[in-house]
Amino acid sequence: MKTLILVRHAKSDWPENTDDFDRPLAEKGFHDAEKMSHFLKTQNIEIEKFFSSPALRALTTCEIFNKEYNIEIEKLQKLYNASDTNFENITLGLDDHLNNVAMFSHNNGISNFANSMAEDMFIFPTCGVAGFEIDCDSWSDFHNARKKMIFYYDPKNI
């Protein structure tokens, strides 16, 4: 059994003359990321490795979560403006010694990918977190594995 956790980056700012890739977190984003990461840790949500878009807002969100977890972060360009196919390809290639991973990315791709596994449609709010149980022993079996949402957290509700 594997667990895949998806995290949409926290609320970002868009200062004048800033490229999309370099957008920083807004003050609310910092607060929500700290609150959500602490909440996950207190819920005993196990994560062995973080994968993050290298875009500033996603990577900063991941780094804030890592203050609670203190684990390896791997930056993946494919998680920046990722399609659901990008998420699938990354998941299929994960190392099988990892059982619980989290991916930090952006909308619309993260919502589309989550909805491909969820029974009910939803849109990720900023800093939203969804966990999925993937019924397989190898990530390479992801396509044919049964997938079930096991938790969903919105920072407004914690």
N, C-alpha and C. Protein backbone atom coordinates (compact mmCIF):
# COMPACT_ATOMS: atom_id res chain seq x y z
N MET A 1 0.84 -1.18 0.00
CA MET A 1 0.00 0.00 0.00
C MET A 1 0.89 1.25 0.00
N LYS A 2 0.54 2.21 -0.83
CA LYS A 2 1.27 3.47 -0.94
C LYS A 2 0.33 4.63 -0.59
N THR A 3 0.92 5.74 -0.18
CA THR A 3 0.14 6.95 0.09
C THR A 3 0.75 8.10 -0.70
N LEU A 4 -0.11 8.76 -1.48
CA LEU A 4 0.29 9.92 -2.27
C LEU A 4 -0.46 11.13 -1.73
N ILE A 5 0.29 12.14 -1.31
CA ILE A 5 -0.28 13.36 -0.75
C ILE A 5 -0.02 14.50 -1.73
N LEU A 6 -1.07 15.21 -2.06
CA LEU A 6 -0.96 16.35 -2.97
C LEU A 6 -1.19 17.63 -2.19
N VAL A 7 -0.31 18.61 -2.40
CA VAL A 7 -0.39 19.90 -1.71
C VAL A 7 -0.33 21.01 -2.75
N ARG A 8 -1.39 21.82 -2.78
CA ARG A 8 -1.33 23.01 -3.62
C ARG A 8 -0.56 24.08 -2.86
N HIS A 9 0.29 24.82 -3.56
CA HIS A 9 1.09 25.86 -2.90
C HIS A 9 0.18 26.82 -2.14
N ALA A 10 0.73 27.44 -1.11
CA ALA A 10 -0.02 28.40 -0.30
C ALA A 10 -0.25 29.69 -1.08
N LYS A 11 -1.09 30.54 -0.51
CA LYS A 11 -1.47 31.81 -1.15
C LYS A 11 -0.23 32.62 -1.53
N SER A 12 -0.20 33.03 -2.79
CA SER A 12 0.97 33.77 -3.27
C SER A 12 0.61 35.23 -3.54
N ASP A 13 1.66 36.00 -3.70
CA ASP A 13 1.56 37.40 -4.06
C ASP A 13 1.99 37.50 -5.52
N TRP A 14 1.75 38.63 -6.14
CA TRP A 14 2.23 38.84 -7.51
C TRP A 14 2.72 40.27 -7.63
N PRO A 15 3.92 40.51 -7.05
CA PRO A 15 4.47 41.87 -7.12
C PRO A 15 4.68 42.31 -8.57
N GLU A 16 4.61 43.60 -8.79
CA GLU A 16 4.81 44.16 -10.11
C GLU A 16 6.17 43.74 -10.66
N ASN A 17 6.22 43.49 -11.96
CA ASN A 17 7.45 43.10 -12.65
C ASN A 17 8.04 41.78 -12.14
N THR A 18 7.18 40.86 -11.73
CA THR A 18 7.64 39.55 -11.26
C THR A 18 7.08 38.48 -12.20
N ASP A 19 7.96 37.63 -12.69
CA ASP A 19 7.52 36.51 -13.52
C ASP A 19 6.72 35.53 -12.68
N ASP A 20 5.84 34.78 -13.33
CA ASP A 20 5.02 33.79 -12.64
C ASP A 20 5.88 32.84 -11.81
N PHE A 21 6.97 32.36 -12.36
CA PHE A 21 7.84 31.39 -11.69
C PHE A 21 8.39 31.93 -10.37
N ASP A 22 8.59 33.25 -10.30
CA ASP A 22 9.25 33.88 -9.15
C ASP A 22 8.28 34.51 -8.16
N ARG A 23 6.99 34.21 -8.28
CA ARG A 23 6.02 34.79 -7.35
C ARG A 23 6.25 34.27 -5.93
N PRO A 24 6.35 35.16 -4.94
CA PRO A 24 6.56 34.74 -3.55
C PRO A 24 5.23 34.45 -2.86
N LEU A 25 5.31 33.86 -1.68
CA LEU A 25 4.12 33.68 -0.87
C LEU A 25 3.68 35.01 -0.28
N ALA A 26 2.37 35.16 -0.14
CA ALA A 26 1.81 36.29 0.59
C ALA A 26 1.91 35.98 2.08
N GLU A 27 1.70 36.97 2.92
CA GLU A 27 1.74 36.75 4.36
C GLU A 27 0.76 35.65 4.78
N LYS A 28 -0.44 35.68 4.21
CA LYS A 28 -1.44 34.64 4.49
C LYS A 28 -0.91 33.26 4.10
N GLY A 29 -0.16 33.19 3.00
CA GLY A 29 0.41 31.93 2.55
C GLY A 29 1.38 31.35 3.56
N PHE A 30 2.25 32.19 4.11
CA PHE A 30 3.18 31.73 5.14
C PHE A 30 2.42 31.18 6.34
N HIS A 31 1.42 31.93 6.77
CA HIS A 31 0.62 31.52 7.93
C HIS A 31 -0.09 30.19 7.67
N ASP A 32 -0.75 30.06 6.51
CA ASP A 32 -1.48 28.82 6.19
C ASP A 32 -0.55 27.62 6.08
N ALA A 33 0.62 27.81 5.47
CA ALA A 33 1.57 26.70 5.33
C ALA A 33 2.08 26.24 6.69
N GLU A 34 2.37 27.18 7.57
CA GLU A 34 2.82 26.81 8.91
C GLU A 34 1.72 26.06 9.66
N LYS A 35 0.50 26.57 9.57
CA LYS A 35 -0.64 25.96 10.25
C LYS A 35 -0.93 24.55 9.69
N MET A 36 -0.93 24.42 8.37
CA MET A 36 -1.26 23.14 7.75
C MET A 36 -0.17 22.10 8.01
N SER A 37 1.08 22.48 7.91
CA SER A 37 2.15 21.51 8.14
C SER A 37 2.14 21.03 9.59
N HIS A 38 1.92 21.94 10.52
CA HIS A 38 1.83 21.55 11.93
C HIS A 38 0.63 20.62 12.16
N PHE A 39 -0.48 20.95 11.53
CA PHE A 39 -1.68 20.11 11.66
C PHE A 39 -1.41 18.69 11.14
N LEU A 40 -0.79 18.57 9.96
CA LEU A 40 -0.51 17.25 9.41
C LEU A 40 0.39 16.44 10.35
N LYS A 41 1.40 17.11 10.88
CA LYS A 41 2.33 16.42 11.78
C LYS A 41 1.60 15.93 13.03
N THR A 42 0.69 16.76 13.58
CA THR A 42 -0.04 16.35 14.79
C THR A 42 -1.06 15.26 14.49
N GLN A 43 -1.44 15.10 13.22
CA GLN A 43 -2.35 14.03 12.81
C GLN A 43 -1.57 12.74 12.50
N ASN A 44 -0.26 12.77 12.73
CA ASN A 44 0.61 11.63 12.46
C ASN A 44 0.58 11.20 11.01
N ILE A 45 0.49 12.18 10.11
CA ILE A 45 0.56 11.90 8.67
C ILE A 45 2.03 11.68 8.34
N GLU A 46 2.36 10.46 7.99
CA GLU A 46 3.74 10.09 7.68
C GLU A 46 4.09 10.46 6.25
N ILE A 47 5.22 11.11 6.07
CA ILE A 47 5.73 11.45 4.74
C ILE A 47 7.23 11.16 4.75
N GLU A 48 7.68 10.45 3.73
CA GLU A 48 9.09 10.07 3.65
C GLU A 48 9.91 10.99 2.75
N LYS A 49 9.24 11.61 1.77
CA LYS A 49 9.99 12.47 0.85
C LYS A 49 9.02 13.48 0.22
N PHE A 50 9.53 14.70 0.02
CA PHE A 50 8.77 15.75 -0.65
C PHE A 50 9.29 15.92 -2.07
N PHE A 51 8.36 16.13 -3.00
CA PHE A 51 8.67 16.49 -4.38
C PHE A 51 7.98 17.83 -4.63
N SER A 52 8.73 18.79 -5.16
CA SER A 52 8.16 20.12 -5.31
C SER A 52 8.46 20.72 -6.67
N SER A 53 7.49 21.47 -7.15
CA SER A 53 7.75 22.38 -8.27
C SER A 53 8.86 23.31 -7.82
N PRO A 54 9.76 23.69 -8.72
CA PRO A 54 10.82 24.62 -8.34
C PRO A 54 10.36 26.09 -8.30
N ALA A 55 9.12 26.37 -8.70
CA ALA A 55 8.61 27.74 -8.65
C ALA A 55 8.62 28.22 -7.19
N LEU A 56 8.96 29.48 -7.00
CA LEU A 56 9.20 30.01 -5.66
C LEU A 56 8.05 29.74 -4.70
N ARG A 57 6.80 29.97 -5.11
CA ARG A 57 5.66 29.82 -4.19
C ARG A 57 5.46 28.38 -3.76
N ALA A 58 5.68 27.42 -4.67
CA ALA A 58 5.53 26.00 -4.32
C ALA A 58 6.70 25.53 -3.47
N LEU A 59 7.91 25.90 -3.86
CA LEU A 59 9.09 25.47 -3.12
C LEU A 59 9.10 26.07 -1.71
N THR A 60 8.69 27.32 -1.58
CA THR A 60 8.64 27.93 -0.24
C THR A 60 7.61 27.22 0.62
N THR A 61 6.46 26.87 0.05
CA THR A 61 5.45 26.11 0.79
C THR A 61 6.04 24.79 1.27
N CYS A 62 6.73 24.09 0.38
CA CYS A 62 7.36 22.82 0.71
C CYS A 62 8.40 23.00 1.82
N GLU A 63 9.21 24.04 1.73
CA GLU A 63 10.24 24.29 2.75
C GLU A 63 9.62 24.58 4.12
N ILE A 64 8.47 25.25 4.13
CA ILE A 64 7.78 25.50 5.40
C ILE A 64 7.29 24.17 5.98
N PHE A 65 6.72 23.31 5.15
CA PHE A 65 6.28 21.99 5.61
C PHE A 65 7.47 21.20 6.15
N ASN A 66 8.61 21.40 5.52
CA ASN A 66 9.79 20.64 5.92
C ASN A 66 10.35 21.06 7.27
N LYS A 67 9.94 22.21 7.79
CA LYS A 67 10.32 22.59 9.15
C LYS A 67 9.71 21.61 10.15
N GLU A 68 8.57 21.03 9.81
CA GLU A 68 7.91 20.02 10.66
C GLU A 68 8.46 18.62 10.40
N TYR A 69 8.82 18.33 9.13
CA TYR A 69 9.17 16.96 8.76
C TYR A 69 10.66 16.68 8.67
N ASN A 70 11.45 17.67 8.24
CA ASN A 70 12.89 17.50 8.12
C ASN A 70 13.28 16.27 7.30
N ILE A 71 12.80 16.24 6.06
CA ILE A 71 13.07 15.13 5.14
C ILE A 71 13.63 15.69 3.83
N GLU A 72 13.97 14.81 2.92
CA GLU A 72 14.53 15.23 1.64
C GLU A 72 13.47 15.91 0.77
N ILE A 73 13.89 16.99 0.11
CA ILE A 73 13.06 17.68 -0.89
C ILE A 73 13.73 17.49 -2.24
N GLU A 74 12.96 17.02 -3.20
CA GLU A 74 13.46 16.93 -4.58
C GLU A 74 12.65 17.87 -5.45
N LYS A 75 13.33 18.79 -6.11
CA LYS A 75 12.67 19.73 -7.02
C LYS A 75 12.50 19.05 -8.38
N LEU A 76 11.29 19.13 -8.92
CA LEU A 76 11.00 18.55 -10.22
C LEU A 76 10.35 19.58 -11.13
N GLN A 77 11.04 19.93 -12.21
CA GLN A 77 10.51 20.91 -13.16
C GLN A 77 9.14 20.48 -13.68
N LYS A 78 8.91 19.18 -13.80
CA LYS A 78 7.64 18.66 -14.33
C LYS A 78 6.45 19.01 -13.43
N LEU A 79 6.70 19.44 -12.18
CA LEU A 79 5.60 19.82 -11.29
C LEU A 79 5.22 21.30 -11.43
N TYR A 80 5.95 22.05 -12.25
CA TYR A 80 5.59 23.44 -12.51
C TYR A 80 4.62 23.47 -13.67
N ASN A 81 3.45 24.04 -13.45
CA ASN A 81 2.38 24.05 -14.45
C ASN A 81 2.13 22.65 -15.00
N ALA A 82 2.09 21.69 -14.10
CA ALA A 82 1.99 20.28 -14.47
C ALA A 82 0.60 19.90 -14.96
N SER A 83 0.57 19.05 -15.96
CA SER A 83 -0.68 18.43 -16.39
C SER A 83 -0.89 17.17 -15.55
N ASP A 84 -2.10 16.61 -15.59
CA ASP A 84 -2.31 15.37 -14.85
C ASP A 84 -1.41 14.26 -15.38
N THR A 85 -1.05 14.32 -16.66
CA THR A 85 -0.11 13.34 -17.23
C THR A 85 1.26 13.47 -16.59
N ASN A 86 1.71 14.70 -16.34
CA ASN A 86 3.00 14.90 -15.65
C ASN A 86 2.97 14.24 -14.28
N PHE A 87 1.89 14.47 -13.52
CA PHE A 87 1.77 13.85 -12.19
C PHE A 87 1.82 12.33 -12.30
N GLU A 88 1.08 11.78 -13.25
CA GLU A 88 1.06 10.31 -13.44
C GLU A 88 2.45 9.79 -13.76
N ASN A 89 3.15 10.44 -14.68
CA ASN A 89 4.49 9.98 -15.06
C ASN A 89 5.46 10.05 -13.90
N ILE A 90 5.38 11.10 -13.09
CA ILE A 90 6.24 11.20 -11.91
C ILE A 90 5.91 10.06 -10.95
N THR A 91 4.63 9.84 -10.70
CA THR A 91 4.19 8.80 -9.77
C THR A 91 4.64 7.43 -10.24
N LEU A 92 4.50 7.15 -11.52
CA LEU A 92 4.91 5.84 -12.07
C LEU A 92 6.40 5.59 -11.88
N GLY A 93 7.19 6.65 -11.82
CA GLY A 93 8.65 6.50 -11.70
C GLY A 93 9.19 6.59 -10.29
N LEU A 94 8.31 6.71 -9.28
CA LEU A 94 8.80 6.81 -7.90
C LEU A 94 9.50 5.53 -7.46
N ASP A 95 10.48 5.69 -6.61
CA ASP A 95 11.23 4.56 -6.07
C ASP A 95 10.32 3.77 -5.12
N ASP A 96 10.29 2.46 -5.30
CA ASP A 96 9.37 1.61 -4.53
C ASP A 96 9.71 1.53 -3.04
N HIS A 97 10.90 1.94 -2.64
CA HIS A 97 11.19 1.93 -1.19
C HIS A 97 10.43 3.06 -0.48
N LEU A 98 9.91 4.02 -1.25
CA LEU A 98 9.10 5.10 -0.68
C LEU A 98 7.64 4.67 -0.65
N ASN A 99 7.03 4.74 0.52
CA ASN A 99 5.61 4.37 0.65
C ASN A 99 4.70 5.57 0.84
N ASN A 100 5.23 6.70 1.32
CA ASN A 100 4.43 7.89 1.63
C ASN A 100 5.15 9.12 1.12
N VAL A 101 4.63 9.71 0.04
CA VAL A 101 5.27 10.87 -0.55
C VAL A 101 4.27 12.02 -0.69
N ALA A 102 4.80 13.24 -0.76
CA ALA A 102 3.97 14.42 -0.99
C ALA A 102 4.53 15.20 -2.17
N MET A 103 3.59 15.71 -2.99
CA MET A 103 3.95 16.54 -4.14
C MET A 103 3.34 17.92 -3.98
N PHE A 104 4.17 18.95 -4.17
CA PHE A 104 3.75 20.34 -4.06
C PHE A 104 3.70 20.94 -5.46
N SER A 105 2.52 21.44 -5.84
CA SER A 105 2.39 21.94 -7.19
C SER A 105 1.30 23.01 -7.28
N HIS A 106 0.74 23.18 -8.47
CA HIS A 106 -0.11 24.31 -8.82
C HIS A 106 -1.44 23.83 -9.41
N ASN A 107 -2.42 24.73 -9.36
CA ASN A 107 -3.66 24.50 -10.10
C ASN A 107 -3.43 24.94 -11.54
N ASN A 108 -4.07 24.40 -12.45
CA ASN A 108 -5.20 23.50 -12.47
C ASN A 108 -4.78 22.03 -12.45
N GLY A 109 -3.53 21.80 -12.73
CA GLY A 109 -3.05 20.42 -12.84
C GLY A 109 -3.26 19.59 -11.60
N ILE A 110 -3.00 20.16 -10.42
CA ILE A 110 -3.12 19.38 -9.19
C ILE A 110 -4.58 19.00 -8.93
N SER A 111 -5.50 19.91 -9.22
CA SER A 111 -6.93 19.59 -9.06
C SER A 111 -7.36 18.53 -10.06
N ASN A 112 -6.91 18.66 -11.30
CA ASN A 112 -7.28 17.66 -12.31
C ASN A 112 -6.76 16.28 -11.94
N PHE A 113 -5.53 16.21 -11.47
CA PHE A 113 -4.96 14.93 -11.09
C PHE A 113 -5.70 14.34 -9.89
N ALA A 114 -5.96 15.16 -8.88
CA ALA A 114 -6.70 14.69 -7.70
C ALA A 114 -8.09 14.20 -8.10
N ASN A 115 -8.76 14.93 -8.97
CA ASN A 115 -10.10 14.53 -9.40
C ASN A 115 -10.09 13.25 -10.21
N SER A 116 -8.98 12.94 -10.84
CA SER A 116 -8.90 11.66 -11.58
C SER A 116 -8.87 10.47 -10.62
N MET A 117 -8.56 10.73 -9.34
CA MET A 117 -8.51 9.66 -8.33
C MET A 117 -9.66 9.72 -7.34
N ALA A 118 -10.31 10.87 -7.21
CA ALA A 118 -11.35 11.07 -6.19
C ALA A 118 -12.73 10.68 -6.73
N GLU A 119 -13.60 10.29 -5.82
CA GLU A 119 -14.97 9.97 -6.20
C GLU A 119 -15.78 11.22 -6.46
N ASP A 120 -15.54 12.27 -5.67
CA ASP A 120 -16.27 13.53 -5.82
C ASP A 120 -15.33 14.61 -6.33
N MET A 121 -15.83 15.44 -7.22
CA MET A 121 -15.02 16.52 -7.80
C MET A 121 -14.79 17.62 -6.76
N PHE A 122 -13.60 18.18 -6.78
CA PHE A 122 -13.30 19.32 -5.92
C PHE A 122 -12.20 20.14 -6.54
N ILE A 123 -12.04 21.37 -6.07
CA ILE A 123 -10.96 22.25 -6.50
C ILE A 123 -10.12 22.57 -5.28
N PHE A 124 -8.84 22.39 -5.41
CA PHE A 124 -7.93 22.67 -4.30
C PHE A 124 -7.93 24.16 -3.97
N PRO A 125 -8.12 24.52 -2.72
CA PRO A 125 -7.82 25.89 -2.32
C PRO A 125 -6.31 26.01 -2.17
N THR A 126 -5.81 27.22 -2.08
CA THR A 126 -4.38 27.36 -1.80
C THR A 126 -4.07 26.71 -0.46
N CYS A 127 -2.98 25.98 -0.41
CA CYS A 127 -2.50 25.22 0.74
C CYS A 127 -3.44 24.08 1.13
N GLY A 128 -4.31 23.68 0.21
CA GLY A 128 -5.13 22.50 0.44
C GLY A 128 -4.28 21.25 0.33
N VAL A 129 -4.67 20.22 1.08
CA VAL A 129 -3.92 18.96 1.11
C VAL A 129 -4.89 17.80 0.96
N ALA A 130 -4.57 16.89 0.04
CA ALA A 130 -5.38 15.68 -0.14
C ALA A 130 -4.47 14.47 -0.12
N GLY A 131 -4.90 13.43 0.59
CA GLY A 131 -4.13 12.19 0.67
C GLY A 131 -4.89 11.06 0.01
N PHE A 132 -4.18 10.26 -0.75
CA PHE A 132 -4.78 9.13 -1.46
C PHE A 132 -4.05 7.85 -1.12
N GLU A 133 -4.82 6.82 -0.85
CA GLU A 133 -4.28 5.48 -0.65
C GLU A 133 -4.26 4.81 -2.02
N ILE A 134 -3.09 4.31 -2.39
CA ILE A 134 -2.91 3.66 -3.68
C ILE A 134 -2.65 2.18 -3.39
N ASP A 135 -3.55 1.33 -3.81
CA ASP A 135 -3.48 -0.10 -3.48
C ASP A 135 -2.51 -0.81 -4.43
N CYS A 136 -1.21 -0.68 -4.13
CA CYS A 136 -0.18 -1.33 -4.92
C CYS A 136 1.08 -1.47 -4.08
N ASP A 137 1.96 -2.34 -4.50
CA ASP A 137 3.26 -2.50 -3.86
C ASP A 137 4.34 -1.75 -4.62
N SER A 138 4.08 -1.50 -5.90
CA SER A 138 5.03 -0.79 -6.75
C SER A 138 4.33 0.40 -7.39
N TRP A 139 4.99 1.55 -7.35
CA TRP A 139 4.43 2.74 -7.97
C TRP A 139 4.18 2.53 -9.46
N SER A 140 4.94 1.63 -10.07
CA SER A 140 4.75 1.37 -11.51
C SER A 140 3.39 0.75 -11.81
N ASP A 141 2.69 0.26 -10.78
CA ASP A 141 1.34 -0.29 -10.95
C ASP A 141 0.26 0.76 -10.70
N PHE A 142 0.64 2.01 -10.63
CA PHE A 142 -0.29 3.09 -10.28
C PHE A 142 -1.55 3.10 -11.14
N HIS A 143 -1.39 2.96 -12.46
CA HIS A 143 -2.56 3.05 -13.36
C HIS A 143 -3.65 2.06 -13.01
N ASN A 144 -3.28 0.83 -12.72
CA ASN A 144 -4.27 -0.22 -12.47
C ASN A 144 -4.67 -0.36 -11.01
N ALA A 145 -4.02 0.39 -10.13
CA ALA A 145 -4.28 0.26 -8.69
C ALA A 145 -5.58 0.96 -8.30
N ARG A 146 -6.23 0.41 -7.28
CA ARG A 146 -7.39 1.08 -6.70
C ARG A 146 -6.88 2.30 -5.93
N LYS A 147 -7.57 3.43 -6.11
CA LYS A 147 -7.18 4.68 -5.47
C LYS A 147 -8.34 5.18 -4.63
N LYS A 148 -8.03 5.63 -3.42
CA LYS A 148 -9.08 6.09 -2.52
C LYS A 148 -8.59 7.32 -1.76
N MET A 149 -9.41 8.39 -1.77
CA MET A 149 -9.05 9.56 -0.98
C MET A 149 -9.23 9.21 0.50
N ILE A 150 -8.19 9.43 1.29
CA ILE A 150 -8.26 9.09 2.71
C ILE A 150 -8.34 10.33 3.60
N PHE A 151 -7.96 11.50 3.06
CA PHE A 151 -8.16 12.74 3.79
C PHE A 151 -8.09 13.92 2.83
N TYR A 152 -8.73 14.98 3.26
CA TYR A 152 -8.70 16.24 2.51
C TYR A 152 -8.80 17.36 3.55
N TYR A 153 -7.86 18.29 3.51
CA TYR A 153 -7.84 19.38 4.48
C TYR A 153 -7.74 20.72 3.75
N ASP A 154 -8.59 21.63 4.15
CA ASP A 154 -8.60 23.00 3.67
C ASP A 154 -8.11 23.87 4.84
N PRO A 155 -7.14 24.75 4.63
CA PRO A 155 -6.61 25.53 5.76
C PRO A 155 -7.68 26.39 6.46
N LYS A 156 -8.76 26.71 5.76
CA LYS A 156 -9.83 27.50 6.40
C LYS A 156 -10.57 26.69 7.46
N ASN A 157 -10.47 25.34 7.37
CA ASN A 157 -11.24 24.48 8.26
C ASN A 157 -10.44 23.77 9.34
N ILE A 158 -9.18 24.16 9.48
CA ILE A 158 -8.39 23.51 10.54
C ILE A 158 -7.94 24.53 11.57
